[in-house]
Amino acid sequence: MSGTPALLADRDVRSEDVQALPIGAHIVTPRAAYGHHGIYVGGGRVVHYGGLVRGLRAGPIEVVSLEEFTQGRPLKVLFESSRFSSAEIVERALSRVGENNYRVLTNNCEHFCEWCVRGEHRSYQVERWLSLPLRALAGLAGNAASLWRNGTGSLAGKVWLSTSSSH
């Protein structure tokens, strides 16, 4: 399956809704340059890949409070289709607590949550980030081809002015 997962209902969570968070929910909170993902396991607790949330030191998969997970930022719930029940999602998340193999491009918090919910080791954010250089190159190639077709990219037929003086 390509692209982002089909969301049944993607919604922001207001502070008064926190008590109604579904067990096994895939939740996301914004960071400076990415969305940080976790699995809500109930009782105000979240399992997430600590990753780089505390700076440059990579952290393990751990259970933290919802407040520690969001760090005061907004919270969004992703309601995705899943092949697992809520209880199985929680069980899968808890089974990896203590794992300490964080890699930003190949094993991050989104990879972890996608594995818990959908059984896929995947990060849509990483896929988007890695596609940016390719999209930029494709855009440049398209622009160059357009210039060439329109005659503005060809040097043929251009008159060059000489800046040298001839005496």
Foldseek 3Di string as FASTA:
>chain_A
DDDDFDFPDKFWADPVCPQVDDQQWWKWFDDDQDIFIWGHHDPQKTWFFQQQVPHNDGGGTAIDGVCVRRVPTIMMTGHGDFPDDSVQLNVLSVVRGPDGPDDPQQQHRQLSSCCSGHVGRDDNVSVVVVCVVVVVVVVVVVVLVVCVVVPNNDPPPDDDDDPDDDD
